[in-house]
N, C-alpha and C. Protein backbone atom coordinates (compact mmCIF):
# COMPACT_ATOMS: atom_id res chain seq x y z
N MET A 1 -123.18 -57.74 68.85
CA MET A 1 -123.01 -56.23 68.83
C MET A 1 -122.14 -55.79 67.58
N SER A 2 -122.56 -55.24 66.78
CA SER A 2 -121.77 -54.66 65.86
C SER A 2 -122.16 -53.06 65.92
N THR A 3 -120.83 -52.37 65.99
CA THR A 3 -121.01 -51.12 65.76
C THR A 3 -121.36 -50.54 64.61
N LYS A 4 -121.54 -49.54 64.15
CA LYS A 4 -121.59 -49.05 62.66
C LYS A 4 -120.24 -47.91 62.95
N THR A 5 -119.77 -47.78 62.08
CA THR A 5 -118.74 -46.53 61.89
C THR A 5 -119.04 -45.58 60.70
N GLU A 6 -119.02 -44.45 61.37
CA GLU A 6 -119.12 -43.26 60.43
C GLU A 6 -118.50 -43.48 59.34
N PRO A 7 -118.75 -42.66 58.14
CA PRO A 7 -118.17 -42.85 56.83
C PRO A 7 -117.18 -41.74 56.74
N TRP A 8 -116.02 -41.41 56.29
CA TRP A 8 -115.01 -40.69 56.35
C TRP A 8 -115.23 -39.39 56.04
N TYR A 9 -116.32 -39.22 54.93
CA TYR A 9 -116.67 -38.11 54.56
C TYR A 9 -117.01 -37.40 54.94
N VAL A 10 -118.29 -37.99 56.16
CA VAL A 10 -118.72 -37.42 57.38
C VAL A 10 -118.04 -36.53 58.18
N HIS A 11 -116.80 -37.23 58.71
CA HIS A 11 -115.60 -36.33 59.26
C HIS A 11 -115.07 -35.64 58.59
N LEU A 12 -114.81 -35.23 57.42
CA LEU A 12 -114.15 -34.32 56.32
C LEU A 12 -114.97 -33.29 56.35
N ILE A 13 -116.25 -33.50 56.56
CA ILE A 13 -117.21 -32.31 56.38
C ILE A 13 -116.92 -31.44 57.70
N LEU A 14 -116.86 -31.98 58.75
CA LEU A 14 -117.13 -31.66 59.99
C LEU A 14 -116.05 -31.07 59.96
N TYR A 15 -114.57 -31.35 59.90
CA TYR A 15 -113.49 -30.52 59.99
C TYR A 15 -113.18 -29.31 59.19
N VAL A 16 -113.74 -29.42 58.12
CA VAL A 16 -114.13 -28.42 56.86
C VAL A 16 -114.69 -27.41 57.75
N VAL A 17 -116.36 -27.58 58.55
CA VAL A 17 -116.87 -26.60 58.97
C VAL A 17 -115.72 -26.17 60.26
N ILE A 18 -115.99 -26.94 61.02
CA ILE A 18 -115.02 -26.46 62.03
C ILE A 18 -113.71 -25.58 61.38
N ALA A 19 -113.06 -25.30 60.36
CA ALA A 19 -111.98 -24.64 59.93
C ALA A 19 -112.62 -23.35 59.42
N LEU A 20 -114.06 -23.27 59.18
CA LEU A 20 -114.31 -22.26 58.61
C LEU A 20 -114.84 -21.44 59.53
N LEU A 21 -115.18 -21.84 60.07
CA LEU A 21 -115.98 -21.16 61.89
C LEU A 21 -114.77 -20.70 62.62
N VAL A 22 -113.54 -21.14 62.87
CA VAL A 22 -112.50 -21.13 63.20
C VAL A 22 -112.04 -19.75 62.30
N TYR A 23 -111.96 -19.56 61.64
CA TYR A 23 -111.46 -19.17 60.21
C TYR A 23 -112.52 -17.63 60.38
N VAL A 24 -113.82 -17.25 60.63
CA VAL A 24 -114.59 -16.55 60.69
C VAL A 24 -114.73 -16.05 61.97
N LEU A 25 -114.20 -16.61 63.02
CA LEU A 25 -114.32 -16.04 64.32
C LEU A 25 -112.73 -14.92 64.62
N ILE A 26 -112.22 -15.38 63.93
CA ILE A 26 -110.38 -15.07 64.12
C ILE A 26 -110.45 -13.37 63.11
N ASP A 27 -111.33 -13.79 61.89
CA ASP A 27 -111.72 -12.43 61.26
C ASP A 27 -112.85 -11.78 61.96
N VAL A 28 -113.54 -12.07 62.55
CA VAL A 28 -114.86 -11.00 63.33
C VAL A 28 -114.02 -10.34 64.44
N SER A 29 -113.11 -11.56 65.17
CA SER A 29 -112.73 -10.75 66.57
C SER A 29 -111.37 -10.19 66.34
N ILE A 30 -110.50 -10.43 65.42
CA ILE A 30 -109.04 -9.97 65.50
C ILE A 30 -108.82 -8.68 64.38
N VAL A 31 -109.19 -9.61 62.50
CA VAL A 31 -108.80 -8.57 61.49
C VAL A 31 -109.93 -7.53 61.78
N GLU A 32 -111.10 -7.77 61.73
CA GLU A 32 -112.19 -6.88 61.31
C GLU A 32 -111.67 -5.60 62.22
N PRO A 33 -111.67 -5.44 63.80
CA PRO A 33 -111.50 -4.09 64.40
C PRO A 33 -110.49 -3.34 64.12
N GLY A 34 -109.66 -4.51 64.05
CA GLY A 34 -107.85 -3.53 63.31
C GLY A 34 -108.18 -2.22 62.25
N ARG A 35 -108.59 -3.18 61.04
CA ARG A 35 -109.57 -2.58 59.89
C ARG A 35 -110.36 -1.57 60.10
N ILE A 36 -111.60 -1.44 60.98
CA ILE A 36 -111.95 -0.39 61.69
C ILE A 36 -111.25 0.81 62.52
N VAL A 37 -110.37 0.49 63.37
CA VAL A 37 -109.39 1.79 63.60
C VAL A 37 -108.64 2.08 62.70
N LYS A 38 -107.89 1.37 62.30
CA LYS A 38 -107.08 1.73 60.70
C LYS A 38 -108.01 2.85 59.82
N LEU A 39 -109.48 2.64 59.68
CA LEU A 39 -110.06 3.37 59.14
C LEU A 39 -111.05 4.57 59.64
N LYS A 40 -111.00 4.32 60.70
CA LYS A 40 -111.62 5.37 61.44
C LYS A 40 -110.44 6.60 61.72
N LYS A 41 -108.97 6.38 61.65
CA LYS A 41 -107.79 7.04 62.37
C LYS A 41 -107.59 7.64 60.88
N TYR A 42 -108.22 7.10 59.42
CA TYR A 42 -107.54 7.65 58.32
C TYR A 42 -108.64 8.51 58.18
N TYR A 43 -110.35 8.64 58.21
CA TYR A 43 -111.22 9.51 58.50
C TYR A 43 -110.79 11.18 59.28
N LYS A 44 -110.52 10.28 60.51
CA LYS A 44 -110.84 11.76 61.27
C LYS A 44 -109.25 12.73 60.95
N GLU A 45 -108.13 11.81 60.69
CA GLU A 45 -106.68 12.62 60.13
C GLU A 45 -107.10 13.62 59.14
N GLU A 46 -107.90 12.69 58.07
CA GLU A 46 -107.99 13.28 56.72
C GLU A 46 -109.09 14.64 56.92
N SER A 47 -110.19 14.63 57.37
CA SER A 47 -111.26 15.31 57.55
C SER A 47 -110.46 16.16 58.41
N ARG A 48 -109.55 16.55 59.69
CA ARG A 48 -108.80 17.52 60.34
C ARG A 48 -107.78 18.21 59.22
N ALA A 49 -107.20 17.55 58.51
CA ALA A 49 -105.93 18.14 57.43
C ALA A 49 -107.46 19.10 56.22
N ARG A 50 -108.35 18.31 56.36
CA ARG A 50 -109.16 19.67 55.07
C ARG A 50 -109.39 20.68 55.91
N MET A 51 -109.96 20.25 57.00
CA MET A 51 -110.52 21.56 57.77
C MET A 51 -109.18 22.32 57.93
N GLU A 52 -107.97 22.14 58.55
CA GLU A 52 -106.87 22.80 58.36
C GLU A 52 -106.99 24.00 57.70
N ASN A 53 -106.64 23.34 56.35
CA ASN A 53 -106.55 23.65 54.79
C ASN A 53 -107.34 24.85 54.55
N LEU A 54 -108.69 24.02 55.07
CA LEU A 54 -110.12 25.61 54.87
C LEU A 54 -109.97 26.79 56.15
N ARG A 55 -109.19 26.39 56.66
CA ARG A 55 -108.39 27.58 57.86
C ARG A 55 -107.63 28.49 57.45
N GLU A 56 -106.88 27.92 56.88
CA GLU A 56 -105.40 28.47 55.97
C GLU A 56 -105.99 29.56 54.30
N ALA A 57 -107.15 28.50 54.23
CA ALA A 57 -107.67 29.67 53.14
C ALA A 57 -108.58 30.68 53.65
N GLN A 58 -109.18 30.63 54.62
CA GLN A 58 -110.28 31.62 55.19
C GLN A 58 -108.80 32.44 55.70
N ILE A 59 -107.39 32.20 56.18
CA ILE A 59 -106.90 33.31 57.05
C ILE A 59 -106.76 34.10 55.49
N LEU A 60 -105.93 33.16 54.39
CA LEU A 60 -105.28 33.62 53.09
C LEU A 60 -106.71 34.55 52.74
N TRP A 61 -108.14 34.10 52.54
CA TRP A 61 -109.03 35.50 52.27
C TRP A 61 -109.15 36.64 53.47
N PHE A 62 -109.06 36.76 54.44
CA PHE A 62 -108.88 37.90 55.48
C PHE A 62 -108.00 38.86 55.21
N GLU A 63 -106.89 38.32 55.26
CA GLU A 63 -105.60 39.01 54.21
C GLU A 63 -105.99 40.00 53.34
N LYS A 64 -106.70 39.30 52.24
CA LYS A 64 -106.84 40.21 50.76
C LYS A 64 -107.92 40.87 51.13
N TYR A 65 -108.79 40.32 51.53
CA TYR A 65 -110.73 41.25 51.78
C TYR A 65 -110.93 42.09 53.04
N GLY A 66 -110.44 41.63 54.16
CA GLY A 66 -110.49 42.14 55.33
C GLY A 66 -111.60 41.73 56.24
N LYS A 67 -112.13 40.58 55.48
CA LYS A 67 -113.57 39.66 56.58
C LYS A 67 -113.57 38.43 56.11
N PHE A 68 -113.63 37.62 56.71
CA PHE A 68 -114.28 36.28 56.22
C PHE A 68 -115.64 35.63 55.42
N THR A 69 -115.73 34.62 54.53
CA THR A 69 -116.47 34.37 54.06
C THR A 69 -117.26 32.83 54.50
N ASP A 70 -118.57 32.93 54.09
CA ASP A 70 -119.43 31.88 54.59
C ASP A 70 -120.06 31.07 53.25
N ASN A 71 -118.90 31.53 52.23
CA ASN A 71 -119.39 30.43 51.10
C ASN A 71 -118.04 30.00 50.48
N LEU A 72 -118.57 28.32 50.88
CA LEU A 72 -117.29 27.24 50.73
C LEU A 72 -116.81 27.56 49.13
N ASP A 73 -118.10 27.42 48.17
CA ASP A 73 -117.14 27.52 46.75
C ASP A 73 -116.83 28.71 46.56
N SER A 74 -116.82 29.99 47.13
CA SER A 74 -116.05 31.04 46.51
C SER A 74 -114.40 30.50 46.99
N LEU A 75 -114.36 30.27 48.38
CA LEU A 75 -113.26 30.31 49.27
C LEU A 75 -112.32 29.09 48.43
N VAL A 76 -113.64 27.83 48.02
CA VAL A 76 -112.42 26.95 46.94
C VAL A 76 -112.19 27.51 45.78
N GLU A 77 -112.83 28.69 44.89
CA GLU A 77 -112.72 29.20 43.99
C GLU A 77 -111.37 30.01 44.18
N PHE A 78 -111.28 30.39 45.32
CA PHE A 78 -109.97 31.48 45.61
C PHE A 78 -108.62 31.13 45.75
N VAL A 79 -108.77 29.37 46.23
CA VAL A 79 -107.20 28.92 46.54
C VAL A 79 -106.74 28.30 45.21
N LYS A 80 -107.98 28.15 44.67
CA LYS A 80 -107.29 27.28 43.38
C LYS A 80 -107.03 28.64 42.06
N TYR A 81 -107.45 29.43 42.07
CA TYR A 81 -107.20 30.59 41.26
C TYR A 81 -106.76 32.00 41.40
N ASP A 82 -106.87 32.25 42.61
CA ASP A 82 -106.69 33.78 42.80
C ASP A 82 -104.92 34.11 42.76
N SER A 83 -104.07 34.87 42.48
CA SER A 83 -102.87 34.96 42.29
C SER A 83 -102.41 35.25 43.42
N THR A 84 -103.00 35.77 44.52
CA THR A 84 -102.18 35.89 46.01
C THR A 84 -101.76 34.75 46.60
N VAL A 85 -102.98 33.64 46.37
CA VAL A 85 -102.47 32.86 46.81
C VAL A 85 -101.47 31.51 46.32
N MET A 86 -101.67 31.75 44.88
CA MET A 86 -100.67 31.19 44.04
C MET A 86 -99.24 31.85 44.44
N LYS A 87 -98.97 32.88 44.70
CA LYS A 87 -97.94 33.73 45.53
C LYS A 87 -97.49 32.70 46.54
N VAL A 88 -98.38 32.85 47.62
CA VAL A 88 -98.23 32.21 48.95
C VAL A 88 -97.47 30.78 48.90
N ARG A 89 -98.36 30.15 47.88
CA ARG A 89 -97.89 28.64 47.95
C ARG A 89 -97.03 28.37 47.18
N GLU A 90 -96.63 29.06 46.13
CA GLU A 90 -95.15 29.49 45.38
C GLU A 90 -93.55 29.69 45.79
N GLY A 91 -94.11 30.91 47.15
CA GLY A 91 -92.97 31.41 47.89
C GLY A 91 -92.41 30.24 48.60
N ILE A 92 -91.05 30.96 48.90
CA ILE A 92 -89.71 30.07 49.72
C ILE A 92 -89.71 31.46 50.98
N ASP A 93 -89.50 30.69 51.87
CA ASP A 93 -89.19 31.52 53.41
C ASP A 93 -87.95 31.60 53.26
N THR A 94 -87.55 33.03 53.25
CA THR A 94 -86.04 33.84 53.10
C THR A 94 -85.33 33.49 53.90
N ILE A 95 -85.83 33.30 55.26
CA ILE A 95 -85.46 32.98 56.23
C ILE A 95 -84.57 31.12 56.43
N THR A 96 -85.45 30.30 56.71
CA THR A 96 -85.18 29.09 56.74
C THR A 96 -85.26 28.39 55.13
N GLY A 97 -85.43 29.06 54.27
CA GLY A 97 -85.85 28.34 52.76
C GLY A 97 -86.27 27.19 52.39
N LYS A 98 -87.24 27.00 53.68
CA LYS A 98 -88.31 26.05 53.03
C LYS A 98 -89.72 27.00 52.41
N PRO A 99 -90.48 25.62 51.92
CA PRO A 99 -91.68 26.36 50.96
C PRO A 99 -92.53 27.21 52.00
N SER A 100 -93.18 27.94 51.65
CA SER A 100 -93.82 28.91 52.38
C SER A 100 -95.59 28.29 51.88
N ASP A 101 -95.53 27.34 51.39
CA ASP A 101 -97.30 26.66 50.90
C ASP A 101 -98.08 26.53 52.60
N PRO A 102 -99.07 27.48 52.78
CA PRO A 102 -99.25 26.82 54.07
C PRO A 102 -100.25 25.87 54.33
N PHE A 103 -100.58 25.10 53.21
CA PHE A 103 -101.24 24.14 52.72
C PHE A 103 -100.82 22.89 53.29
N ALA A 104 -101.63 21.95 54.19
CA ALA A 104 -100.80 20.58 54.23
C ALA A 104 -101.44 19.48 53.38
N LYS A 105 -100.48 18.83 52.96
CA LYS A 105 -100.79 17.57 51.95
C LYS A 105 -101.62 16.62 52.38
N LEU A 106 -102.53 16.20 52.03
CA LEU A 106 -103.83 14.91 52.19
C LEU A 106 -103.02 13.68 52.37
N ALA A 107 -104.00 12.74 52.23
CA ALA A 107 -103.37 11.08 52.85
C ALA A 107 -102.99 10.88 51.39
N HIS A 108 -102.96 11.26 50.42
CA HIS A 108 -102.42 10.53 48.69
C HIS A 108 -101.32 11.41 48.77
N GLY A 109 -100.86 12.49 49.36
CA GLY A 109 -99.27 12.63 49.29
C GLY A 109 -99.41 14.39 48.42
N GLN A 110 -100.70 14.43 48.11
CA GLN A 110 -100.93 16.53 47.55
C GLN A 110 -101.89 16.72 48.06
N PHE A 111 -102.02 18.05 47.87
CA PHE A 111 -103.06 19.19 48.44
C PHE A 111 -103.79 19.57 46.79
N ASP A 112 -105.17 18.87 47.61
CA ASP A 112 -105.98 19.17 46.10
C ASP A 112 -107.47 19.78 46.45
N PRO A 113 -107.49 21.31 46.00
CA PRO A 113 -108.03 22.11 46.77
C PRO A 113 -109.62 21.26 46.14
N ASP A 114 -110.36 20.65 45.09
CA ASP A 114 -111.54 20.05 45.12
C ASP A 114 -112.15 19.15 46.36
N SER A 115 -110.67 18.70 47.13
CA SER A 115 -111.67 17.72 48.48
C SER A 115 -111.67 18.80 49.56
N LEU A 116 -111.61 19.81 49.34
CA LEU A 116 -112.12 21.07 50.22
C LEU A 116 -113.42 21.02 50.77
N TYR A 117 -114.33 20.95 49.55
CA TYR A 117 -115.87 20.53 50.09
C TYR A 117 -116.52 19.86 50.39
N THR A 118 -115.41 18.19 51.08
CA THR A 118 -116.56 17.23 51.61
C THR A 118 -115.72 16.46 52.83
N SER A 119 -115.77 16.06 53.40
CA SER A 119 -115.59 14.98 54.48
C SER A 119 -115.41 14.17 53.99
N PRO A 120 -114.16 13.45 54.24
CA PRO A 120 -114.38 12.23 53.58
C PRO A 120 -115.04 10.93 53.64
N ARG A 121 -115.41 10.87 54.97
CA ARG A 121 -116.42 9.83 55.75
C ARG A 121 -117.64 9.43 55.36
N SER A 122 -118.09 10.58 54.95
CA SER A 122 -119.34 10.87 54.23
C SER A 122 -119.74 11.00 53.10
N GLY A 123 -119.10 11.91 52.85
CA GLY A 123 -118.83 12.70 51.61
C GLY A 123 -119.74 13.84 51.87
N GLY A 124 -120.01 14.70 53.36
CA GLY A 124 -121.23 15.59 53.13
C GLY A 124 -120.28 16.96 52.85
N ARG A 125 -120.70 17.85 52.89
CA ARG A 125 -119.91 19.16 52.88
C ARG A 125 -120.04 19.56 54.33
N PHE A 126 -118.52 20.29 55.00
CA PHE A 126 -118.38 21.10 55.70
C PHE A 126 -119.30 22.04 55.52
N THR A 127 -119.22 22.99 56.97
CA THR A 127 -120.43 23.78 56.75
C THR A 127 -119.68 25.42 57.73
N LEU A 128 -119.79 26.05 56.99
CA LEU A 128 -118.82 27.52 57.22
C LEU A 128 -120.01 28.35 57.02
N GLU A 129 -119.87 29.39 58.62
CA GLU A 129 -120.84 30.39 59.02
C GLU A 129 -119.99 31.41 59.33
N VAL A 130 -120.20 32.66 59.03
CA VAL A 130 -119.75 33.77 59.58
C VAL A 130 -120.62 35.24 60.98
N ASP A 131 -120.09 35.24 61.40
CA ASP A 131 -120.95 36.37 62.70
C ASP A 131 -121.54 37.56 61.40
N THR A 132 -122.67 38.43 61.74
CA THR A 132 -123.08 39.13 61.83
C THR A 132 -123.36 40.26 63.16
N THR A 133 -123.04 41.13 63.34
CA THR A 133 -122.72 42.16 64.29
C THR A 133 -123.42 43.23 64.05
N ILE A 134 -124.66 43.58 64.69
CA ILE A 134 -125.26 45.15 64.28
C ILE A 134 -125.08 45.45 65.77
N ILE A 135 -124.06 46.93 65.50
CA ILE A 135 -123.97 48.16 66.57
C ILE A 135 -124.86 48.98 66.79
N ALA A 136 -125.72 49.82 67.74
CA ALA A 136 -126.49 50.47 67.61
C ALA A 136 -125.84 51.83 68.34
N ASP A 137 -126.02 52.49 68.02
CA ASP A 137 -125.80 54.15 68.49
C ASP A 137 -127.12 54.88 68.39
N THR A 138 -127.51 55.41 69.75
CA THR A 138 -128.47 56.32 69.65
C THR A 138 -127.47 58.27 69.65
N ILE A 139 -128.55 58.99 68.91
CA ILE A 139 -127.64 59.79 68.53
C ILE A 139 -128.64 61.15 69.22
N ILE A 140 -127.94 61.88 70.34
CA ILE A 140 -129.14 62.62 71.22
C ILE A 140 -128.30 64.13 71.21
N ASP A 141 -129.12 64.88 71.07
CA ASP A 141 -128.92 66.66 71.01
C ASP A 141 -128.63 67.11 72.40
N ARG A 142 -128.32 68.07 72.48
CA ARG A 142 -128.08 69.00 73.73
C ARG A 142 -129.09 69.09 74.91
N ARG A 143 -130.00 69.10 74.41
CA ARG A 143 -131.03 69.14 75.06
C ARG A 143 -131.65 67.72 75.58
N GLY A 144 -131.13 66.92 74.84
CA GLY A 144 -131.38 65.39 76.15
C GLY A 144 -132.34 64.33 75.14
N ARG A 145 -132.84 65.35 73.41
CA ARG A 145 -133.85 64.38 72.80
C ARG A 145 -133.11 63.64 71.72
N VAL A 146 -134.30 62.48 71.63
CA VAL A 146 -133.18 61.54 70.58
C VAL A 146 -133.78 61.74 68.85
N ARG A 147 -132.18 62.27 68.54
CA ARG A 147 -132.64 63.00 67.06
C ARG A 147 -132.63 61.56 66.11
N GLY A 148 -131.94 60.32 66.40
CA GLY A 148 -131.81 58.91 65.60
C GLY A 148 -131.11 58.38 66.20
N ILE A 149 -131.42 56.53 65.82
CA ILE A 149 -130.69 55.72 65.48
C ILE A 149 -129.28 55.50 64.61
N ASP A 150 -128.27 55.77 64.98
CA ASP A 150 -127.14 54.97 63.73
C ASP A 150 -127.10 53.51 64.27
N SER A 151 -126.96 53.03 63.22
CA SER A 151 -126.22 51.51 63.51
C SER A 151 -125.25 50.79 62.54
N THR A 152 -124.32 50.12 62.98
CA THR A 152 -123.45 49.79 62.07
C THR A 152 -123.34 48.26 61.73
N VAL A 153 -123.21 47.62 60.76
CA VAL A 153 -123.56 46.30 60.34
C VAL A 153 -122.13 45.67 60.16
N THR A 154 -121.40 44.77 60.79
CA THR A 154 -120.00 44.16 60.51
C THR A 154 -120.59 42.65 60.18
N ILE A 155 -119.76 42.40 59.17
CA ILE A 155 -120.16 40.91 58.64
C ILE A 155 -118.88 39.82 58.47
N GLY A 156 -118.39 39.13 58.85
CA GLY A 156 -116.99 38.27 58.69
C GLY A 156 -115.87 38.49 59.19
N THR A 157 -116.35 38.86 60.28
CA THR A 157 -115.40 39.30 61.66
C THR A 157 -114.81 37.95 62.24
N ARG A 158 -115.47 36.95 62.23
CA ARG A 158 -115.22 35.81 62.94
C ARG A 158 -116.18 34.64 62.44
N TYR A 159 -115.55 33.22 62.34
CA TYR A 159 -116.37 31.89 61.48
C TYR A 159 -116.41 30.59 62.23
N LEU A 160 -117.11 29.97 61.78
CA LEU A 160 -117.28 28.41 62.01
C LEU A 160 -117.13 27.85 61.16
N LEU A 161 -116.31 26.66 61.33
CA LEU A 161 -116.04 25.66 60.28
C LEU A 161 -116.51 24.46 60.78
N SER A 162 -117.25 23.60 60.66
CA SER A 162 -117.53 22.71 61.32
C SER A 162 -117.60 21.19 60.53
N SER A 163 -117.43 20.38 61.24
CA SER A 163 -117.49 19.24 59.91
C SER A 163 -118.90 18.22 60.50
N PRO A 164 -118.84 17.66 58.71
CA PRO A 164 -120.65 17.61 59.00
C PRO A 164 -120.43 15.68 59.91
N ASP A 165 -119.59 15.01 59.92
CA ASP A 165 -119.64 13.69 60.68
C ASP A 165 -118.91 13.51 62.10
N SER A 166 -118.53 14.77 62.20
CA SER A 166 -117.81 14.55 63.78
C SER A 166 -118.21 16.05 64.69
N ASP A 167 -117.48 16.01 66.02
CA ASP A 167 -117.98 17.23 66.42
C ASP A 167 -117.20 18.19 66.68
N ASP A 168 -116.22 17.53 65.33
CA ASP A 168 -114.63 18.85 65.71
C ASP A 168 -115.11 20.02 64.68
N ARG A 169 -115.01 21.16 65.02
CA ARG A 169 -114.77 22.55 64.76
C ARG A 169 -113.57 23.64 64.62
N ILE A 170 -113.70 24.55 63.98
CA ILE A 170 -112.70 25.69 63.92
C ILE A 170 -113.20 26.97 63.93
N GLY A 171 -112.79 27.65 65.05
CA GLY A 171 -113.50 29.34 65.12
C GLY A 171 -114.60 29.13 65.84
N ASP A 172 -115.03 30.35 66.12
CA ASP A 172 -116.65 30.76 66.51
C ASP A 172 -116.98 31.13 66.36
N VAL A 173 -118.24 31.93 66.08
CA VAL A 173 -119.43 33.25 65.81
C VAL A 173 -119.08 34.01 66.70
N HIS A 174 -119.10 33.69 68.22
CA HIS A 174 -119.17 34.50 68.91
C HIS A 174 -118.42 35.20 69.84
N ASN A 175 -116.79 33.99 69.83
CA ASN A 175 -115.99 34.68 70.28
C ASN A 175 -114.56 34.62 69.77
N ASP A 176 -114.40 36.15 69.90
CA ASP A 176 -112.62 36.62 69.56
C ASP A 176 -111.48 35.54 69.67
N ALA A 177 -111.74 34.78 71.20
CA ALA A 177 -110.47 33.75 71.72
C ALA A 177 -110.42 32.99 70.94
N LEU A 178 -111.63 32.31 70.41
CA LEU A 178 -111.26 31.32 69.59
C LEU A 178 -111.28 31.10 67.95
N LYS A 179 -111.18 32.70 67.65
CA LYS A 179 -110.86 32.66 65.98
C LYS A 179 -109.95 32.09 65.57
N ASN A 180 -109.98 30.95 64.81
CA ASN A 180 -108.69 30.14 64.05
C ASN A 180 -108.55 29.14 65.00
N THR A 181 -109.21 29.10 65.78
CA THR A 181 -108.97 27.53 66.96
C THR A 181 -109.58 26.57 66.73
N ALA A 182 -108.63 25.67 66.68
CA ALA A 182 -109.56 23.96 66.12
C ALA A 182 -109.75 23.81 67.91
N SER A 183 -110.89 23.26 67.67
CA SER A 183 -111.38 21.91 68.62
C SER A 183 -110.20 21.04 69.53
N TRP A 184 -109.67 20.45 68.45
CA TRP A 184 -108.82 19.45 68.75
C TRP A 184 -107.35 19.85 69.42
N GLU A 185 -107.06 21.05 68.89
CA GLU A 185 -106.04 21.56 69.41
C GLU A 185 -105.96 22.21 71.47
């Protein structure tokens, strides 16, 4: 009875295959989920910071023009080039001595107006809507006859900013109580 032993290189190949499988198992089960969680956290925080900066821009726009805008391009250009925004950003609070810049710094440590267009996850544009309210008033003379209908159209008293990648929203076009309120607050 002779037993034939397997050559040493067969065992070496099996050990290498086992080591590679252990490495892949550790990577797939421990390391990769950690990376995914960090990436999701980054996307959520960055998207919300950009949306909060857009809310601050809408507030400054409302203070200057008396209504909100639904044009994201105009809003970002307003933040970039308007002198009242620059004064607010460069100003200092007289009581606390801190800068009065209402815009939050993004993940890279600076405020970048060009980043306000898109969500960091997909690169999709944020959606900005404003309300349109029509108030109709009937004009009746002393005899009870209808003389006309007077209507007033109001645009931009409320806005809704929504993210293309999540259910995050700021404001509401139907409810004054939710004006400038974020869904995650």
